[in-house]
């Protein structure tokens, strides 16, 4: 198990983290190295450090995160107008 005082993960722990990340990204058609993919792997690592060590539970944490994120997006909404800065400002 992860020991915070050591600051490192074992190979087995990294494999669980990687497998959860790859599985979740594939299920959502997200590139693992994309900004969202990177944000998600950070979430997985923090969850693992917090005691969630099973791949399935880590994937569910990702789903919960994605659901919360999607609540703030309304598909089909009109674009938000940009305000151009006035010249000289």
PDB file of N, CA and C in Angstrom:
ATOM      1  N   UNK A   1       0.838  -1.188   0.000  1.00  0.00           N
ATOM      2  CA  UNK A   1       0.000   0.000   0.000  1.00  0.00           C
ATOM      3  C   UNK A   1       0.874   1.239   0.000  1.00  0.00           C
ATOM      4  N   UNK A   2       0.375   2.320  -0.548  1.00  0.00           N
ATOM      5  CA  UNK A   2       1.100   3.581  -0.635  1.00  0.00           C
ATOM      6  C   UNK A   2       1.454   4.096   0.750  1.00  0.00           C
ATOM      7  N   UNK A   3       2.688   4.463   0.922  1.00  0.00           N
ATOM      8  CA  UNK A   3       3.154   5.059   2.175  1.00  0.00           C
ATOM      9  C   UNK A   3       3.506   6.519   1.901  1.00  0.00           C
ATOM     10  N   UNK A   4       2.687   7.472   2.389  1.00  0.00           N
ATOM     11  CA  UNK A   4       2.943   8.881   2.120  1.00  0.00           C
ATOM     12  C   UNK A   4       4.348   9.333   2.487  1.00  0.00           C
ATOM     13  N   UNK A   5       4.918   8.754   3.529  1.00  0.00           N
ATOM     14  CA  UNK A   5       6.249   9.180   3.942  1.00  0.00           C
ATOM     15  C   UNK A   5       7.298   8.802   2.903  1.00  0.00           C
ATOM     16  N   UNK A   6       7.026   7.764   2.105  1.00  0.00           N
ATOM     17  CA  UNK A   6       7.967   7.357   1.074  1.00  0.00           C
ATOM     18  C   UNK A   6       7.824   8.214  -0.176  1.00  0.00           C
ATOM     19  N   UNK A   7       6.609   8.670  -0.448  1.00  0.00           N
ATOM     20  CA  UNK A   7       6.388   9.522  -1.609  1.00  0.00           C
ATOM     21  C   UNK A   7       6.432   8.799  -2.943  1.00  0.00           C
ATOM     22  N   UNK A   8       6.362   7.473  -2.933  1.00  0.00           N
ATOM     23  CA  UNK A   8       6.405   6.715  -4.184  1.00  0.00           C
ATOM     24  C   UNK A   8       5.343   5.619  -4.170  1.00  0.00           C
ATOM     25  N   UNK A   9       5.015   5.149  -5.377  1.00  0.00           N
ATOM     26  CA  UNK A   9       4.113   4.016  -5.532  1.00  0.00           C
ATOM     27  C   UNK A   9       4.942   2.808  -5.928  1.00  0.00           C
ATOM     28  N   UNK A  10       4.473   1.631  -5.570  1.00  0.00           N
ATOM     29  CA  UNK A  10       5.127   0.408  -6.026  1.00  0.00           C
ATOM     30  C   UNK A  10       4.710   0.140  -7.475  1.00  0.00           C
ATOM     31  N   UNK A  11       5.377  -0.794  -8.117  1.00  0.00           N
ATOM     32  CA  UNK A  11       5.035  -1.161  -9.488  1.00  0.00           C
ATOM     33  C   UNK A  11       3.605  -1.684  -9.553  1.00  0.00           C
ATOM     34  N   UNK A  12       3.208  -2.506  -8.599  1.00  0.00           N
ATOM     35  CA  UNK A  12       1.842  -3.039  -8.584  1.00  0.00           C
ATOM     36  C   UNK A  12       0.806  -1.926  -8.429  1.00  0.00           C
ATOM     37  N   UNK A  13       1.093  -0.956  -7.577  1.00  0.00           N
ATOM     38  CA  UNK A  13       0.174   0.168  -7.393  1.00  0.00           C
ATOM     39  C   UNK A  13       0.071   0.997  -8.673  1.00  0.00           C
ATOM     40  N   UNK A  14       1.191   1.241  -9.303  1.00  0.00           N
ATOM     41  CA  UNK A  14       1.182   2.001 -10.560  1.00  0.00           C
ATOM     42  C   UNK A  14       0.407   1.258 -11.647  1.00  0.00           C
ATOM     43  N   UNK A  15       0.500  -0.061 -11.642  1.00  0.00           N
ATOM     44  CA  UNK A  15      -0.266  -0.842 -12.620  1.00  0.00           C
ATOM     45  C   UNK A  15      -1.766  -0.685 -12.404  1.00  0.00           C
ATOM     46  N   UNK A  16      -2.212  -0.682 -11.148  1.00  0.00           N
ATOM     47  CA  UNK A  16      -3.633  -0.486 -10.838  1.00  0.00           C
ATOM     48  C   UNK A  16      -4.063   0.907 -11.292  1.00  0.00           C
ATOM     49  N   UNK A  17      -3.253   1.909 -10.985  1.00  0.00           N
ATOM     50  CA  UNK A  17      -3.552   3.288 -11.378  1.00  0.00           C
ATOM     51  C   UNK A  17      -3.620   3.405 -12.895  1.00  0.00           C
ATOM     52  N   UNK A  18      -2.633   2.843 -13.586  1.00  0.00           N
ATOM     53  CA  UNK A  18      -2.612   2.894 -15.050  1.00  0.00           C
ATOM     54  C   UNK A  18      -3.826   2.185 -15.643  1.00  0.00           C
ATOM     55  N   UNK A  19      -4.120   0.991 -15.147  1.00  0.00           N
ATOM     56  CA  UNK A  19      -5.248   0.228 -15.688  1.00  0.00           C
ATOM     57  C   UNK A  19      -6.567   0.972 -15.507  1.00  0.00           C
ATOM     58  N   UNK A  20      -6.765   1.588 -14.345  1.00  0.00           N
ATOM     59  CA  UNK A  20      -7.991   2.353 -14.099  1.00  0.00           C
ATOM     60  C   UNK A  20      -8.059   3.548 -15.051  1.00  0.00           C
ATOM     61  N   UNK A  21      -6.933   4.226 -15.229  1.00  0.00           N
ATOM     62  CA  UNK A  21      -6.878   5.397 -16.109  1.00  0.00           C
ATOM     63  C   UNK A  21      -7.172   5.011 -17.551  1.00  0.00           C
ATOM     64  N   UNK A  22      -6.518   3.987 -18.037  1.00  0.00           N
ATOM     65  CA  UNK A  22      -6.717   3.546 -19.430  1.00  0.00           C
ATOM     66  C   UNK A  22      -8.156   3.081 -19.634  1.00  0.00           C
ATOM     67  N   UNK A  23      -8.698   2.320 -18.690  1.00  0.00           N
ATOM     68  CA  UNK A  23     -10.067   1.826 -18.814  1.00  0.00           C
ATOM     69  C   UNK A  23     -11.067   2.986 -18.879  1.00  0.00           C
ATOM     70  N   UNK A  24     -10.920   3.951 -17.962  1.00  0.00           N
ATOM     71  CA  UNK A  24     -11.862   5.062 -17.939  1.00  0.00           C
ATOM     72  C   UNK A  24     -11.729   5.907 -19.203  1.00  0.00           C
ATOM     73  N   UNK A  25     -10.519   6.221 -19.602  1.00  0.00           N
ATOM     74  CA  UNK A  25     -10.317   7.023 -20.815  1.00  0.00           C
ATOM     75  C   UNK A  25     -10.908   6.320 -22.041  1.00  0.00           C
ATOM     76  N   UNK A  26     -10.688   5.021 -22.152  1.00  0.00           N
ATOM     77  CA  UNK A  26     -11.224   4.271 -23.298  1.00  0.00           C
ATOM     78  C   UNK A  26     -12.751   4.276 -23.281  1.00  0.00           C
ATOM     79  N   UNK A  27     -13.352   4.163 -22.110  1.00  0.00           N
ATOM     80  CA  UNK A  27     -14.815   4.131 -22.027  1.00  0.00           C
ATOM     81  C   UNK A  27     -15.436   5.461 -22.430  1.00  0.00           C
ATOM     82  N   UNK A  28     -14.666   6.535 -22.344  1.00  0.00           N
ATOM     83  CA  UNK A  28     -15.152   7.875 -22.683  1.00  0.00           C
ATOM     84  C   UNK A  28     -14.542   8.416 -23.977  1.00  0.00           C
ATOM     85  N   UNK A  29     -13.740   7.599 -24.641  1.00  0.00           N
ATOM     86  CA  UNK A  29     -13.024   8.017 -25.865  1.00  0.00           C
ATOM     87  C   UNK A  29     -12.196   9.282 -25.620  1.00  0.00           C
ATOM     88  N   UNK A  30     -11.462   9.254 -24.532  1.00  0.00           N
ATOM     89  CA  UNK A  30     -10.602  10.381 -24.152  1.00  0.00           C
ATOM     90  C   UNK A  30      -9.152   9.952 -24.293  1.00  0.00           C
ATOM     91  N   UNK A  31      -8.358  10.798 -24.891  1.00  0.00           N
ATOM     92  CA  UNK A  31      -6.927  10.539 -25.019  1.00  0.00           C
ATOM     93  C   UNK A  31      -6.302  10.655 -23.620  1.00  0.00           C
ATOM     94  N   UNK A  32      -5.640   9.601 -23.141  1.00  0.00           N
ATOM     95  CA  UNK A  32      -5.071   9.647 -21.791  1.00  0.00           C
ATOM     96  C   UNK A  32      -4.103  10.806 -21.550  1.00  0.00           C
ATOM     97  N   UNK A  33      -3.411  11.259 -22.595  1.00  0.00           N
ATOM     98  CA  UNK A  33      -2.441  12.348 -22.410  1.00  0.00           C
ATOM     99  C   UNK A  33      -3.059  13.735 -22.602  1.00  0.00           C
ATOM    100  N   UNK A  34      -4.372  13.792 -22.875  1.00  0.00           N
ATOM    101  CA  UNK A  34      -5.054  15.080 -23.040  1.00  0.00           C
ATOM    102  C   UNK A  34      -5.145  15.783 -21.686  1.00  0.00           C
ATOM    103  N   UNK A  35      -5.480  17.085 -21.684  1.00  0.00           N
ATOM    104  CA  UNK A  35      -5.642  17.769 -20.397  1.00  0.00           C
ATOM    105  C   UNK A  35      -6.650  17.077 -19.468  1.00  0.00           C
ATOM    106  N   UNK A  36      -7.780  16.619 -20.012  1.00  0.00           N
ATOM    107  CA  UNK A  36      -8.756  15.921 -19.172  1.00  0.00           C
ATOM    108  C   UNK A  36      -8.187  14.590 -18.694  1.00  0.00           C
ATOM    109  N   UNK A  37      -7.473  13.887 -19.564  1.00  0.00           N
ATOM    110  CA  UNK A  37      -6.838  12.634 -19.170  1.00  0.00           C
ATOM    111  C   UNK A  37      -5.826  12.841 -18.060  1.00  0.00           C
ATOM    112  N   UNK A  38      -5.050  13.911 -18.160  1.00  0.00           N
ATOM    113  CA  UNK A  38      -4.063  14.218 -17.126  1.00  0.00           C
ATOM    114  C   UNK A  38      -4.741  14.597 -15.814  1.00  0.00           C
ATOM    115  N   UNK A  39      -5.818  15.360 -15.906  1.00  0.00           N
ATOM    116  CA  UNK A  39      -6.565  15.742 -14.708  1.00  0.00           C
ATOM    117  C   UNK A  39      -7.133  14.496 -14.021  1.00  0.00           C
ATOM    118  N   UNK A  40      -7.590  13.564 -14.837  1.00  0.00           N
ATOM    119  CA  UNK A  40      -8.183  12.345 -14.306  1.00  0.00           C
ATOM    120  C   UNK A  40      -7.147  11.453 -13.639  1.00  0.00           C
ATOM    121  N   UNK A  41      -5.974  11.316 -14.234  1.00  0.00           N
ATOM    122  CA  UNK A  41      -4.954  10.472 -13.600  1.00  0.00           C
ATOM    123  C   UNK A  41      -4.503  11.087 -12.276  1.00  0.00           C
ATOM    124  N   UNK A  42      -4.485  12.403 -12.191  1.00  0.00           N
ATOM    125  CA  UNK A  42      -4.171  13.052 -10.914  1.00  0.00           C
ATOM    126  C   UNK A  42      -5.234  12.688  -9.878  1.00  0.00           C
ATOM    127  N   UNK A  43      -6.498  12.729 -10.287  1.00  0.00           N
ATOM    128  CA  UNK A  43      -7.602  12.350  -9.401  1.00  0.00           C
ATOM    129  C   UNK A  43      -7.434  10.902  -8.939  1.00  0.00           C
ATOM    130  N   UNK A  44      -7.078  10.019  -9.857  1.00  0.00           N
ATOM    131  CA  UNK A  44      -6.903   8.601  -9.517  1.00  0.00           C
ATOM    132  C   UNK A  44      -5.772   8.433  -8.504  1.00  0.00           C
ATOM    133  N   UNK A  45      -4.671   9.124  -8.731  1.00  0.00           N
ATOM    134  CA  UNK A  45      -3.531   9.001  -7.813  1.00  0.00           C
ATOM    135  C   UNK A  45      -3.899   9.514  -6.419  1.00  0.00           C
ATOM    136  N   UNK A  46      -4.626  10.619  -6.369  1.00  0.00           N
ATOM    137  CA  UNK A  46      -5.052  11.160  -5.074  1.00  0.00           C
ATOM    138  C   UNK A  46      -6.031  10.211  -4.380  1.00  0.00           C
ATOM    139  N   UNK A  47      -6.932   9.615  -5.157  1.00  0.00           N
ATOM    140  CA  UNK A  47      -7.874   8.653  -4.579  1.00  0.00           C
ATOM    141  C   UNK A  47      -7.129   7.435  -4.045  1.00  0.00           C
ATOM    142  N   UNK A  48      -6.125   6.984  -4.797  1.00  0.00           N
ATOM    143  CA  UNK A  48      -5.334   5.837  -4.344  1.00  0.00           C
ATOM    144  C   UNK A  48      -4.629   6.171  -3.030  1.00  0.00           C
ATOM    145  N   UNK A  49      -4.051   7.352  -2.973  1.00  0.00           N
ATOM    146  CA  UNK A  49      -3.385   7.783  -1.741  1.00  0.00           C
ATOM    147  C   UNK A  49      -4.374   7.875  -0.588  1.00  0.00           C
ATOM    148  N   UNK A  50      -5.628   8.188  -0.908  1.00  0.00           N
ATOM    149  CA  UNK A  50      -6.664   8.299   0.107  1.00  0.00           C
ATOM    150  C   UNK A  50      -7.248   6.974   0.541  1.00  0.00           C
ATOM    151  N   UNK A  51      -6.802   5.882  -0.062  1.00  0.00           N
ATOM    152  CA  UNK A  51      -7.253   4.568   0.370  1.00  0.00           C
ATOM    153  C   UNK A  51      -8.117   3.797  -0.606  1.00  0.00           C
ATOM    154  N   UNK A  52      -8.483   4.398  -1.730  1.00  0.00           N
ATOM    155  CA  UNK A  52      -9.245   3.678  -2.757  1.00  0.00           C
ATOM    156  C   UNK A  52      -8.227   2.960  -3.632  1.00  0.00           C
ATOM    157  N   UNK A  53      -8.103   1.648  -3.455  1.00  0.00           N
ATOM    158  CA  UNK A  53      -7.019   0.918  -4.112  1.00  0.00           C
ATOM    159  C   UNK A  53      -7.471  -0.119  -5.133  1.00  0.00           C
ATOM    160  N   UNK A  54      -8.771  -0.277  -5.316  1.00  0.00           N
ATOM    161  CA  UNK A  54      -9.276  -1.241  -6.293  1.00  0.00           C
ATOM    162  C   UNK A  54      -9.551  -0.533  -7.612  1.00  0.00           C
ATOM    163  N   UNK A  55      -9.163  -1.156  -8.713  1.00  0.00           N
ATOM    164  CA  UNK A  55      -9.322  -0.555 -10.043  1.00  0.00           C
ATOM    165  C   UNK A  55     -10.760  -0.124 -10.292  1.00  0.00           C
ATOM    166  N   UNK A  56     -11.723  -1.007  -9.993  1.00  0.00           N
ATOM    167  CA  UNK A  56     -13.128  -0.699 -10.258  1.00  0.00           C
ATOM    168  C   UNK A  56     -13.586   0.533  -9.474  1.00  0.00           C
ATOM    169  N   UNK A  57     -13.165   0.631  -8.223  1.00  0.00           N
ATOM    170  CA  UNK A  57     -13.540   1.782  -7.394  1.00  0.00           C
ATOM    171  C   UNK A  57     -12.903   3.067  -7.919  1.00  0.00           C
ATOM    172  N   UNK A  58     -11.689   2.966  -8.438  1.00  0.00           N
ATOM    173  CA  UNK A  58     -11.022   4.136  -9.011  1.00  0.00           C
ATOM    174  C   UNK A  58     -11.738   4.600 -10.277  1.00  0.00           C
ATOM    175  N   UNK A  59     -12.177   3.654 -11.092  1.00  0.00           N
ATOM    176  CA  UNK A  59     -12.929   4.003 -12.303  1.00  0.00           C
ATOM    177  C   UNK A  59     -14.238   4.687 -11.912  1.00  0.00           C
ATOM    178  N   UNK A  60     -14.901   4.196 -10.876  1.00  0.00           N
ATOM    179  CA  UNK A  60     -16.143   4.817 -10.417  1.00  0.00           C
ATOM    180  C   UNK A  60     -15.903   6.243  -9.909  1.00  0.00           C
ATOM    181  N   UNK A  61     -14.774   6.480  -9.275  1.00  0.00           N
ATOM    182  CA  UNK A  61     -14.432   7.850  -8.846  1.00  0.00           C
ATOM    183  C   UNK A  61     -14.303   8.755 -10.065  1.00  0.00           C
ATOM    184  N   UNK A  62     -13.714   8.230 -11.134  1.00  0.00           N
ATOM    185  CA  UNK A  62     -13.587   9.006 -12.376  1.00  0.00           C
ATOM    186  C   UNK A  62     -14.962   9.312 -12.952  1.00  0.00           C
ATOM    187  N   UNK A  63     -15.852   8.333 -12.929  1.00  0.00           N
ATOM    188  CA  UNK A  63     -17.212   8.545 -13.437  1.00  0.00           C
ATOM    189  C   UNK A  63     -17.927   9.621 -12.637  1.00  0.00           C
ATOM    190  N   UNK A  64     -17.779   9.568 -11.331  1.00  0.00           N
ATOM    191  CA  UNK A  64     -18.400  10.565 -10.465  1.00  0.00           C
ATOM    192  C   UNK A  64     -17.846  11.953 -10.767  1.00  0.00           C
ATOM    193  N   UNK A  65     -16.546  12.037 -10.955  1.00  0.00           N
ATOM    194  CA  UNK A  65     -15.891  13.303 -11.307  1.00  0.00           C
ATOM    195  C   UNK A  65     -16.439  13.825 -12.632  1.00  0.00           C
ATOM    196  N   UNK A  66     -16.531  12.952 -13.631  1.00  0.00           N
ATOM    197  CA  UNK A  66     -17.021  13.361 -14.952  1.00  0.00           C
ATOM    198  C   UNK A  66     -18.470  13.821 -14.880  1.00  0.00           C
ATOM    199  N   UNK A  67     -19.278  13.132 -14.100  1.00  0.00           N
ATOM    200  CA  UNK A  67     -20.684  13.504 -13.953  1.00  0.00           C
ATOM    201  C   UNK A  67     -20.803  14.896 -13.330  1.00  0.00           C
ATOM    202  N   UNK A  68     -20.024  15.156 -12.292  1.00  0.00           N
ATOM    203  CA  UNK A  68     -20.046  16.493 -11.667  1.00  0.00           C
ATOM    204  C   UNK A  68     -19.599  17.556 -12.657  1.00  0.00           C
ATOM    205  N   UNK A  69     -18.592  17.249 -13.453  1.00  0.00           N
ATOM    206  CA  UNK A  69     -18.098  18.200 -14.451  1.00  0.00           C
ATOM    207  C   UNK A  69     -19.156  18.487 -15.510  1.00  0.00           C
ATOM    208  N   UNK A  70     -19.853  17.442 -15.948  1.00  0.00           N
ATOM    209  CA  UNK A  70     -20.847  17.584 -17.011  1.00  0.00           C
ATOM    210  C   UNK A  70     -22.077  18.349 -16.551  1.00  0.00           C
ATOM    211  N   UNK A  71     -22.329  18.392 -15.255  1.00  0.00           N
ATOM    212  CA  UNK A  71     -23.487  19.135 -14.746  1.00  0.00           C
ATOM    213  C   UNK A  71     -23.387  20.621 -15.066  1.00  0.00           C
ATOM    214  N   UNK A  72     -22.189  21.095 -15.315  1.00  0.00           N
ATOM    215  CA  UNK A  72     -21.963  22.509 -15.577  1.00  0.00           C
ATOM    216  C   UNK A  72     -21.943  22.829 -17.072  1.00  0.00           C
ATOM    217  N   UNK A  73     -22.224  21.831 -17.898  1.00  0.00           N
ATOM    218  CA  UNK A  73     -22.207  22.019 -19.346  1.00  0.00           C
ATOM    219  C   UNK A  73     -23.606  21.753 -19.881  1.00  0.00           C
ATOM    220  N   UNK A  74     -24.105  22.662 -20.684  1.00  0.00           N
ATOM    221  CA  UNK A  74     -25.407  22.468 -21.303  1.00  0.00           C
ATOM    222  C   UNK A  74     -25.190  22.362 -22.813  1.00  0.00           C
ATOM    223  N   UNK A  75     -25.334  21.152 -23.323  1.00  0.00           N
ATOM    224  CA  UNK A  75     -25.135  20.938 -24.751  1.00  0.00           C
ATOM    225  C   UNK A  75     -26.180  21.700 -25.546  1.00  0.00           C
ATOM    226  N   UNK A  76     -25.758  22.293 -26.635  1.00  0.00           N
ATOM    227  CA  UNK A  76     -26.666  23.031 -27.492  1.00  0.00           C
ATOM    228  C   UNK A  76     -26.885  24.462 -27.055  1.00  0.00           C
ATOM    229  N   UNK A  77     -26.227  24.872 -25.995  1.00  0.00           N
ATOM    230  CA  UNK A  77     -26.374  26.254 -25.526  1.00  0.00           C
ATOM    231  C   UNK A  77     -25.654  27.183 -26.489  1.00  0.00           C
ATOM    232  N   UNK A  78     -26.167  28.404 -26.653  1.00  0.00           N
ATOM    233  CA  UNK A  78     -25.476  29.351 -27.539  1.00  0.00           C
ATOM    234  C   UNK A  78     -24.107  29.705 -26.968  1.00  0.00           C
ATOM    235  N   UNK A  79     -23.229  30.085 -27.865  1.00  0.00           N
ATOM    236  CA  UNK A  79     -21.877  30.457 -27.452  1.00  0.00           C
ATOM    237  C   UNK A  79     -21.919  31.717 -26.599  1.00  0.00           C
ATOM    238  N   UNK A  80     -20.984  31.807 -25.717  1.00  0.00           N
ATOM    239  CA  UNK A  80     -20.854  33.006 -24.890  1.00  0.00           C
ATOM    240  C   UNK A  80     -20.082  34.038 -25.696  1.00  0.00           C
ATOM    241  N   UNK A  81     -20.649  35.230 -25.808  1.00  0.00           N
ATOM    242  CA  UNK A  81     -19.984  36.283 -26.567  1.00  0.00           C
ATOM    243  C   UNK A  81     -18.687  36.680 -25.886  1.00  0.00           C
ATOM    244  N   UNK A  82     -17.685  36.905 -26.710  1.00  0.00           N
ATOM    245  CA  UNK A  82     -16.415  37.422 -26.215  1.00  0.00           C
ATOM    246  C   UNK A  82     -16.450  38.932 -26.302  1.00  0.00           C
ATOM    247  N   UNK A  83     -15.828  39.566 -25.374  1.00  0.00           N
ATOM    248  CA  UNK A  83     -15.733  41.019 -25.410  1.00  0.00           C
ATOM    249  C   UNK A  83     -14.328  41.373 -25.856  1.00  0.00           C
ATOM    250  N   UNK A  84     -14.251  42.038 -26.967  1.00  0.00           N
ATOM    251  CA  UNK A  84     -12.963  42.473 -27.494  1.00  0.00           C
ATOM    252  C   UNK A  84     -12.463  43.643 -26.659  1.00  0.00           C
ATOM    253  N   UNK A  85     -11.190  43.612 -26.243  1.00  0.00           N
ATOM    254  CA  UNK A  85     -10.669  44.759 -25.503  1.00  0.00           C
ATOM    255  C   UNK A  85     -10.606  45.972 -26.410  1.00  0.00           C
ATOM    256  N   UNK A  86     -10.889  47.111 -25.836  1.00  0.00           N
ATOM    257  CA  UNK A  86     -10.824  48.340 -26.603  1.00  0.00           C
ATOM    258  C   UNK A  86      -9.380  48.638 -26.944  1.00  0.00           C
ATOM    259  N   UNK A  87      -9.135  49.196 -28.132  1.00  0.00           N
ATOM    260  CA  UNK A  87      -7.745  49.528 -28.500  1.00  0.00           C
ATOM    261  C   UNK A  87      -7.132  50.468 -27.465  1.00  0.00           C
ATOM    262  N   UNK A  88      -5.901  50.208 -27.113  1.00  0.00           N
ATOM    263  CA  UNK A  88      -5.200  51.045 -26.170  1.00  0.00           C
ATOM    264  C   UNK A  88      -5.380  50.638 -24.723  1.00  0.00           C
ATOM    265  N   UNK A  89      -6.141  49.580 -24.464  1.00  0.00           N
ATOM    266  CA  UNK A  89      -6.352  49.152 -23.079  1.00  0.00           C
ATOM    267  C   UNK A  89      -5.679  47.839 -22.850  1.00  0.00           C
TER     268      UNK A  89
END
